[in-house]
Amino acid sequence: MGAIPLVILRIAQGLFQGVTKPAINDIISRWSPKLERSRFSTFTMSGGLVGSVIAMPLSGVISSCATLGGWPTVFSFFGILTCIWFMLWISFISDTPLEHPSISRSEMLKFDQSIEEIATKKRVVPWKAIFTSLPVWAVIVAHFGSGFGFLALFTELPNFMENILHFNIRENGEISALPYIIQALTAWMASYFADRLRKSGKLSITAIRKIFNSIGEGRNIFIDIHSTRN
């Protein structure tokens, strides 16, 4: 098909994926108790990390096996899994606990006691205030840096393992999954401590977010220092 259809497909994929995280965050705000939101959010978002841990070694096995069709089968296999996941999602997920058909009364009482009421009236979005807010732009810059580093690792680490360290395709998949195992574990631990700090009331939510974001992104400073020294 050539490169142009692939680029068009990736653009379309990015446009559709762009609404995923905002939609997930909205559902998290409706389904998680306020003081457990860090753990709930981390557990949800870390599914992508755990998926990478499973998918990378599995992709290596499939790609190295001619009987299974080699590397083209990787795209078909995970494409089919995505379609199955989508059908399960639209069948079992509801926007709010009130709309879920199988939620029990005891569970509903827990939500009634723990989750603040979410206003349903339409609100006017203050676009000007958003785009002229320095904190908003600080979050955008921080997220851009984090996303760039994550995607660079995701796309280039397998190339580095193959072309520089000369691992075969199966070993490449197994070793490339290690950073995501560590990231998932540290994210779970960080979310636990973040919720503990929120429950203690000693720090504001903003202060907690700044501390953990600084710790998470601060590693890049040490990486940069080490890379310039070598």
C-alpha atoms as a PDB file:
ATOM      1  CA  MET A   1       0.000   0.000   0.000  1.00  0.00           C
ATOM      2  CA  GLY A   2       2.926   2.358   0.532  1.00  0.00           C
ATOM      3  CA  ALA A   3       3.843   4.938   3.149  1.00  0.00           C
ATOM      4  CA  ILE A   4       1.091   7.509   2.480  1.00  0.00           C
ATOM      5  CA  PRO A   5      -1.865   5.252   3.452  1.00  0.00           C
ATOM      6  CA  LEU A   6       0.056   4.256   6.578  1.00  0.00           C
ATOM      7  CA  VAL A   7       0.566   7.904   7.559  1.00  0.00           C
ATOM      8  CA  ILE A   8      -3.120   8.669   6.933  1.00  0.00           C
ATOM      9  CA  LEU A   9      -4.124   5.662   9.030  1.00  0.00           C
ATOM     10  CA  ARG A  10      -1.871   6.764  11.894  1.00  0.00           C
ATOM     11  CA  ILE A  11      -3.314  10.293  11.791  1.00  0.00           C
ATOM     12  CA  ALA A  12      -6.850   8.901  11.944  1.00  0.00           C
ATOM     13  CA  GLN A  13      -5.824   6.586  14.772  1.00  0.00           C
ATOM     14  CA  GLY A  14      -4.379   9.507  16.720  1.00  0.00           C
ATOM     15  CA  LEU A  15      -7.530  11.596  16.239  1.00  0.00           C
ATOM     16  CA  PHE A  16      -9.729   8.825  17.603  1.00  0.00           C
ATOM     17  CA  GLN A  17      -7.341   8.058  20.471  1.00  0.00           C
ATOM     18  CA  GLY A  18      -7.195  11.735  21.430  1.00  0.00           C
ATOM     19  CA  VAL A  19     -10.529  11.568  23.259  1.00  0.00           C
ATOM     20  CA  THR A  20      -9.680   8.383  25.152  1.00  0.00           C
ATOM     21  CA  LYS A  21      -7.850   9.783  28.179  1.00  0.00           C
ATOM     22  CA  PRO A  22     -10.249  12.708  28.773  1.00  0.00           C
ATOM     23  CA  ALA A  23     -13.155  10.251  28.610  1.00  0.00           C
ATOM     24  CA  ILE A  24     -11.422   7.843  31.004  1.00  0.00           C
ATOM     25  CA  ASN A  25     -10.667  10.652  33.467  1.00  0.00           C
ATOM     26  CA  ASP A  26     -14.314  11.706  33.403  1.00  0.00           C
ATOM     27  CA  ILE A  27     -15.458   8.158  34.167  1.00  0.00           C
ATOM     28  CA  ILE A  28     -12.860   7.859  36.948  1.00  0.00           C
ATOM     29  CA  SER A  29     -14.221  11.025  38.591  1.00  0.00           C
ATOM     30  CA  ARG A  30     -17.697   9.457  38.633  1.00  0.00           C
ATOM     31  CA  TRP A  31     -16.720   5.961  39.748  1.00  0.00           C
ATOM     32  CA  SER A  32     -13.966   6.484  42.335  1.00  0.00           C
ATOM     33  CA  PRO A  33     -14.201   7.770  45.919  1.00  0.00           C
ATOM     34  CA  LYS A  34     -12.453  11.119  46.213  1.00  0.00           C
ATOM     35  CA  LEU A  35      -9.678   9.993  48.572  1.00  0.00           C
ATOM     36  CA  GLU A  36      -9.003   6.819  46.573  1.00  0.00           C
ATOM     37  CA  ARG A  37      -8.831   8.514  43.185  1.00  0.00           C
ATOM     38  CA  SER A  38      -5.044   8.347  42.799  1.00  0.00           C
ATOM     39  CA  ARG A  39      -5.014   4.576  43.180  1.00  0.00           C
ATOM     40  CA  PHE A  40      -8.106   4.126  41.035  1.00  0.00           C
ATOM     41  CA  SER A  41      -6.680   6.320  38.280  1.00  0.00           C
ATOM     42  CA  THR A  42      -3.242   4.695  38.418  1.00  0.00           C
ATOM     43  CA  PHE A  43      -4.682   1.190  38.321  1.00  0.00           C
ATOM     44  CA  THR A  44      -6.757   2.150  35.272  1.00  0.00           C
ATOM     45  CA  MET A  45      -4.016   3.978  33.370  1.00  0.00           C
ATOM     46  CA  SER A  46      -1.368   1.362  34.162  1.00  0.00           C
ATOM     47  CA  GLY A  47      -3.314  -1.106  32.058  1.00  0.00           C
ATOM     48  CA  GLY A  48      -1.391   0.255  29.083  1.00  0.00           C
ATOM     49  CA  LEU A  49       1.903  -0.477  30.830  1.00  0.00           C
ATOM     50  CA  VAL A  50       0.875  -3.995  31.786  1.00  0.00           C
ATOM     51  CA  GLY A  51      -0.355  -4.485  28.233  1.00  0.00           C
ATOM     52  CA  SER A  52       3.091  -3.506  26.929  1.00  0.00           C
ATOM     53  CA  VAL A  53       4.718  -5.974  29.331  1.00  0.00           C
ATOM     54  CA  ILE A  54       2.584  -8.757  27.854  1.00  0.00           C
ATOM     55  CA  ALA A  55       2.502  -7.579  24.237  1.00  0.00           C
ATOM     56  CA  MET A  56       6.223  -7.034  23.688  1.00  0.00           C
ATOM     57  CA  PRO A  57       7.435 -10.562  24.552  1.00  0.00           C
ATOM     58  CA  LEU A  58       4.382 -12.046  22.828  1.00  0.00           C
ATOM     59  CA  SER A  59       5.096  -9.997  19.696  1.00  0.00           C
ATOM     60  CA  GLY A  60       8.658 -11.281  19.743  1.00  0.00           C
ATOM     61  CA  VAL A  61       7.455 -14.875  19.885  1.00  0.00           C
ATOM     62  CA  ILE A  62       4.936 -14.377  17.071  1.00  0.00           C
ATOM     63  CA  SER A  63       7.400 -12.482  14.867  1.00  0.00           C
ATOM     64  CA  SER A  64      10.066 -15.163  15.217  1.00  0.00           C
ATOM     65  CA  CYS A  65       7.671 -17.993  14.392  1.00  0.00           C
ATOM     66  CA  ALA A  66       7.138 -18.567  10.671  1.00  0.00           C
ATOM     67  CA  THR A  67       4.324 -21.029  11.416  1.00  0.00           C
ATOM     68  CA  LEU A  68       2.267 -18.221  12.967  1.00  0.00           C
ATOM     69  CA  GLY A  69       2.858 -15.960   9.986  1.00  0.00           C
ATOM     70  CA  GLY A  70       5.703 -13.823  11.314  1.00  0.00           C
ATOM     71  CA  TRP A  71       5.499 -10.109  12.089  1.00  0.00           C
ATOM     72  CA  PRO A  72       2.347  -9.353   9.988  1.00  0.00           C
ATOM     73  CA  THR A  73       0.377 -11.598  12.345  1.00  0.00           C
ATOM     74  CA  VAL A  74       1.252  -9.272  15.235  1.00  0.00           C
ATOM     75  CA  PHE A  75      -0.851  -6.491  13.699  1.00  0.00           C
ATOM     76  CA  SER A  76      -3.766  -8.816  12.911  1.00  0.00           C
ATOM     77  CA  PHE A  77      -3.710 -10.444  16.342  1.00  0.00           C
ATOM     78  CA  PHE A  78      -3.754  -7.241  18.370  1.00  0.00           C
ATOM     79  CA  GLY A  79      -6.223  -5.623  15.967  1.00  0.00           C
ATOM     80  CA  ILE A  80      -8.677  -8.462  16.628  1.00  0.00           C
ATOM     81  CA  LEU A  81      -8.102  -8.178  20.386  1.00  0.00           C
ATOM     82  CA  THR A  82      -8.871  -4.460  20.177  1.00  0.00           C
ATOM     83  CA  CYS A  83     -12.194  -5.164  18.455  1.00  0.00           C
ATOM     84  CA  ILE A  84     -13.097  -7.736  21.128  1.00  0.00           C
ATOM     85  CA  TRP A  85     -12.172  -5.281  23.886  1.00  0.00           C
ATOM     86  CA  PHE A  86     -14.327  -2.586  22.265  1.00  0.00           C
ATOM     87  CA  MET A  87     -17.378  -4.869  22.214  1.00  0.00           C
ATOM     88  CA  LEU A  88     -16.872  -5.748  25.885  1.00  0.00           C
ATOM     89  CA  TRP A  89     -16.430  -2.065  26.756  1.00  0.00           C
ATOM     90  CA  ILE A  90     -19.676  -0.877  25.165  1.00  0.00           C
ATOM     91  CA  SER A  91     -21.527  -3.867  26.672  1.00  0.00           C
ATOM     92  CA  PHE A  92     -20.461  -3.527  30.316  1.00  0.00           C
ATOM     93  CA  ILE A  93     -19.313   0.058  30.980  1.00  0.00           C
ATOM     94  CA  SER A  94     -21.670   2.808  32.157  1.00  0.00           C
ATOM     95  CA  ASP A  95     -20.987   6.519  32.562  1.00  0.00           C
ATOM     96  CA  THR A  96     -22.124   6.593  36.202  1.00  0.00           C
ATOM     97  CA  PRO A  97     -22.925   4.059  38.943  1.00  0.00           C
ATOM     98  CA  LEU A  98     -26.604   5.041  38.705  1.00  0.00           C
ATOM     99  CA  GLU A  99     -26.708   3.864  35.092  1.00  0.00           C
ATOM    100  CA  HIS A 100     -25.050   0.492  35.695  1.00  0.00           C
ATOM    101  CA  PRO A 101     -27.606  -2.345  35.463  1.00  0.00           C
ATOM    102  CA  SER A 102     -25.991  -4.786  37.898  1.00  0.00           C
ATOM    103  CA  ILE A 103     -24.663  -2.563  40.694  1.00  0.00           C
ATOM    104  CA  SER A 104     -25.797  -3.660  44.165  1.00  0.00           C
ATOM    105  CA  ARG A 105     -27.517  -1.465  46.742  1.00  0.00           C
ATOM    106  CA  SER A 106     -24.547  -1.659  49.145  1.00  0.00           C
ATOM    107  CA  GLU A 107     -22.194  -0.544  46.387  1.00  0.00           C
ATOM    108  CA  MET A 108     -24.524   2.303  45.476  1.00  0.00           C
ATOM    109  CA  LEU A 109     -24.595   3.472  49.103  1.00  0.00           C
ATOM    110  CA  LYS A 110     -20.804   3.551  49.113  1.00  0.00           C
ATOM    111  CA  PHE A 111     -20.820   5.756  46.044  1.00  0.00           C
ATOM    112  CA  ASP A 112     -23.503   8.000  47.533  1.00  0.00           C
ATOM    113  CA  GLN A 113     -21.372   8.543  50.639  1.00  0.00           C
ATOM    114  CA  SER A 114     -17.968   8.856  48.995  1.00  0.00           C
ATOM    115  CA  ILE A 115     -18.423  10.620  45.680  1.00  0.00           C
ATOM    116  CA  GLU A 116     -19.341  14.262  45.470  1.00  0.00           C
ATOM    117  CA  GLU A 117     -22.373  15.137  43.420  1.00  0.00           C
ATOM    118  CA  ILE A 118     -21.511  15.857  39.809  1.00  0.00           C
ATOM    119  CA  ALA A 119     -23.422  18.736  38.319  1.00  0.00           C
ATOM    120  CA  THR A 120     -25.387  17.817  35.237  1.00  0.00           C
ATOM    121  CA  LYS A 121     -26.224  21.316  34.044  1.00  0.00           C
ATOM    122  CA  LYS A 122     -24.424  22.613  31.004  1.00  0.00           C
ATOM    123  CA  ARG A 123     -21.478  24.867  31.801  1.00  0.00           C
ATOM    124  CA  VAL A 124     -19.893  27.577  29.731  1.00  0.00           C
ATOM    125  CA  VAL A 125     -16.269  26.674  28.957  1.00  0.00           C
ATOM    126  CA  PRO A 126     -13.951  29.638  29.726  1.00  0.00           C
ATOM    127  CA  TRP A 127     -11.721  29.158  26.677  1.00  0.00           C
ATOM    128  CA  LYS A 128      -9.946  32.498  27.037  1.00  0.00           C
ATOM    129  CA  ALA A 129      -9.123  31.883  30.696  1.00  0.00           C
ATOM    130  CA  ILE A 130      -7.863  28.394  29.860  1.00  0.00           C
ATOM    131  CA  PHE A 131      -5.533  29.421  27.047  1.00  0.00           C
ATOM    132  CA  THR A 132      -4.174  32.438  28.970  1.00  0.00           C
ATOM    133  CA  SER A 133      -3.513  30.474  32.167  1.00  0.00           C
ATOM    134  CA  LEU A 134       0.156  29.868  33.007  1.00  0.00           C
ATOM    135  CA  PRO A 135      -0.623  26.757  35.117  1.00  0.00           C
ATOM    136  CA  VAL A 136      -2.484  25.251  32.150  1.00  0.00           C
ATOM    137  CA  TRP A 137       0.501  25.813  29.871  1.00  0.00           C
ATOM    138  CA  ALA A 138       2.817  24.403  32.536  1.00  0.00           C
ATOM    139  CA  VAL A 139       0.750  21.203  32.558  1.00  0.00           C
ATOM    140  CA  ILE A 140       0.805  21.084  28.739  1.00  0.00           C
ATOM    141  CA  VAL A 141       4.597  21.456  28.629  1.00  0.00           C
ATOM    142  CA  ALA A 142       5.076  18.843  31.366  1.00  0.00           C
ATOM    143  CA  HIS A 143       2.760  16.393  29.631  1.00  0.00           C
ATOM    144  CA  PHE A 144       4.432  17.002  26.266  1.00  0.00           C
ATOM    145  CA  GLY A 145       7.837  16.216  27.767  1.00  0.00           C
ATOM    146  CA  SER A 146       6.551  13.136  29.543  1.00  0.00           C
ATOM    147  CA  GLY A 147       4.719  11.885  26.458  1.00  0.00           C
ATOM    148  CA  PHE A 148       7.700  12.489  24.189  1.00  0.00           C
ATOM    149  CA  GLY A 149      10.012  10.543  26.489  1.00  0.00           C
ATOM    150  CA  PHE A 150       7.540   7.689  26.838  1.00  0.00           C
ATOM    151  CA  LEU A 151       6.930   7.366  23.095  1.00  0.00           C
ATOM    152  CA  ALA A 152      10.635   7.699  22.298  1.00  0.00           C
ATOM    153  CA  LEU A 153      11.329   4.822  24.672  1.00  0.00           C
ATOM    154  CA  PHE A 154       8.421   2.825  23.276  1.00  0.00           C
ATOM    155  CA  THR A 155       9.475   3.185  19.631  1.00  0.00           C
ATOM    156  CA  GLU A 156      13.262   3.416  19.791  1.00  0.00           C
ATOM    157  CA  LEU A 157      14.229   1.012  22.573  1.00  0.00           C
ATOM    158  CA  PRO A 158      13.550  -2.086  20.420  1.00  0.00           C
ATOM    159  CA  ASN A 159      15.654  -0.539  17.610  1.00  0.00           C
ATOM    160  CA  PHE A 160      18.481   0.145  20.050  1.00  0.00           C
ATOM    161  CA  MET A 161      18.317  -3.391  21.424  1.00  0.00           C
ATOM    162  CA  GLU A 162      18.440  -4.873  17.918  1.00  0.00           C
ATOM    163  CA  ASN A 163      20.891  -2.614  16.070  1.00  0.00           C
ATOM    164  CA  ILE A 164      23.309  -1.614  18.856  1.00  0.00           C
ATOM    165  CA  LEU A 165      23.171  -4.473  21.370  1.00  0.00           C
ATOM    166  CA  HIS A 166      22.298  -7.123  18.730  1.00  0.00           C
ATOM    167  CA  PHE A 167      19.596  -9.016  20.609  1.00  0.00           C
ATOM    168  CA  ASN A 168      17.445 -11.343  18.552  1.00  0.00           C
ATOM    169  CA  ILE A 169      13.776 -10.533  18.088  1.00  0.00           C
ATOM    170  CA  ARG A 170      12.522 -12.754  20.920  1.00  0.00           C
ATOM    171  CA  GLU A 171      15.078 -11.485  23.457  1.00  0.00           C
ATOM    172  CA  ASN A 172      14.370  -7.948  22.263  1.00  0.00           C
ATOM    173  CA  GLY A 173      10.688  -8.261  23.137  1.00  0.00           C
ATOM    174  CA  GLU A 174      11.407  -9.690  26.586  1.00  0.00           C
ATOM    175  CA  ILE A 175      14.022  -7.106  27.601  1.00  0.00           C
ATOM    176  CA  SER A 176      12.125  -4.157  26.106  1.00  0.00           C
ATOM    177  CA  ALA A 177       9.220  -4.990  28.424  1.00  0.00           C
ATOM    178  CA  LEU A 178      11.294  -4.464  31.593  1.00  0.00           C
ATOM    179  CA  PRO A 179      10.959  -0.635  31.768  1.00  0.00           C
ATOM    180  CA  TYR A 180       7.172  -0.966  31.704  1.00  0.00           C
ATOM    181  CA  ILE A 181       7.198  -3.480  34.558  1.00  0.00           C
ATOM    182  CA  ILE A 182       9.200  -1.028  36.668  1.00  0.00           C
ATOM    183  CA  GLN A 183       7.000   1.893  35.632  1.00  0.00           C
ATOM    184  CA  ALA A 184       3.805   0.055  36.566  1.00  0.00           C
ATOM    185  CA  LEU A 185       5.174  -0.980  39.974  1.00  0.00           C
ATOM    186  CA  THR A 186       6.436   2.505  40.845  1.00  0.00           C
ATOM    187  CA  ALA A 187       3.156   4.065  39.664  1.00  0.00           C
ATOM    188  CA  TRP A 188       1.154   1.782  41.966  1.00  0.00           C
ATOM    189  CA  MET A 189       3.388   2.608  44.922  1.00  0.00           C
ATOM    190  CA  ALA A 190       3.294   6.341  44.201  1.00  0.00           C
ATOM    191  CA  SER A 191      -0.499   6.367  43.964  1.00  0.00           C
ATOM    192  CA  TYR A 192      -0.753   4.632  47.347  1.00  0.00           C
ATOM    193  CA  PHE A 193       1.458   7.204  49.047  1.00  0.00           C
ATOM    194  CA  ALA A 194      -0.331  10.061  47.259  1.00  0.00           C
ATOM    195  CA  ASP A 195      -3.688   8.914  48.637  1.00  0.00           C
ATOM    196  CA  ARG A 196      -2.176   8.533  52.102  1.00  0.00           C
ATOM    197  CA  LEU A 197      -0.955  12.137  51.951  1.00  0.00           C
ATOM    198  CA  ARG A 198      -4.378  13.324  50.796  1.00  0.00           C
ATOM    199  CA  LYS A 199      -6.117  11.523  53.657  1.00  0.00           C
ATOM    200  CA  SER A 200      -3.680  12.995  56.194  1.00  0.00           C
ATOM    201  CA  GLY A 201      -4.651  16.522  55.169  1.00  0.00           C
ATOM    202  CA  LYS A 202      -1.081  17.759  55.635  1.00  0.00           C
ATOM    203  CA  LEU A 203      -0.626  18.797  52.011  1.00  0.00           C
ATOM    204  CA  SER A 204      -2.952  20.210  49.387  1.00  0.00           C
ATOM    205  CA  ILE A 205      -3.785  18.240  46.252  1.00  0.00           C
ATOM    206  CA  THR A 206      -1.802  20.740  44.186  1.00  0.00           C
ATOM    207  CA  ALA A 207       1.284  20.327  46.390  1.00  0.00           C
ATOM    208  CA  ILE A 208       1.069  16.536  46.201  1.00  0.00           C
ATOM    209  CA  ARG A 209       0.797  16.626  42.410  1.00  0.00           C
ATOM    210  CA  LYS A 210       3.787  18.970  42.146  1.00  0.00           C
ATOM    211  CA  ILE A 211       5.931  16.785  44.412  1.00  0.00           C
ATOM    212  CA  PHE A 212       5.232  13.536  42.576  1.00  0.00           C
ATOM    213  CA  ASN A 213       5.495  15.132  39.151  1.00  0.00           C
ATOM    214  CA  SER A 214       8.867  16.648  40.094  1.00  0.00           C
ATOM    215  CA  ILE A 215      10.128  13.284  41.335  1.00  0.00           C
ATOM    216  CA  GLY A 216       8.892  11.501  38.210  1.00  0.00           C
ATOM    217  CA  GLU A 217      10.263  14.011  35.723  1.00  0.00           C
ATOM    218  CA  GLY A 218      13.381  14.798  37.765  1.00  0.00           C
ATOM    219  CA  ARG A 219      14.975  11.567  36.615  1.00  0.00           C
ATOM    220  CA  ASN A 220      15.476  13.188  33.231  1.00  0.00           C
ATOM    221  CA  ILE A 221      17.918  15.658  34.778  1.00  0.00           C
ATOM    222  CA  PHE A 222      20.159  12.817  35.955  1.00  0.00           C
ATOM    223  CA  ILE A 223      19.871  11.070  32.584  1.00  0.00           C
ATOM    224  CA  ASP A 224      20.896  14.269  30.790  1.00  0.00           C
ATOM    225  CA  ILE A 225      23.843  14.807  33.146  1.00  0.00           C
ATOM    226  CA  HIS A 226      25.014  11.228  32.682  1.00  0.00           C
ATOM    227  CA  SER A 227      24.662  11.379  28.884  1.00  0.00           C
ATOM    228  CA  THR A 228      26.719  14.584  28.613  1.00  0.00           C
ATOM    229  CA  ARG A 229      29.487  13.115  30.770  1.00  0.00           C
ATOM    230  CA  ASN A 230      29.830  10.157  28.420  1.00  0.00           C
END
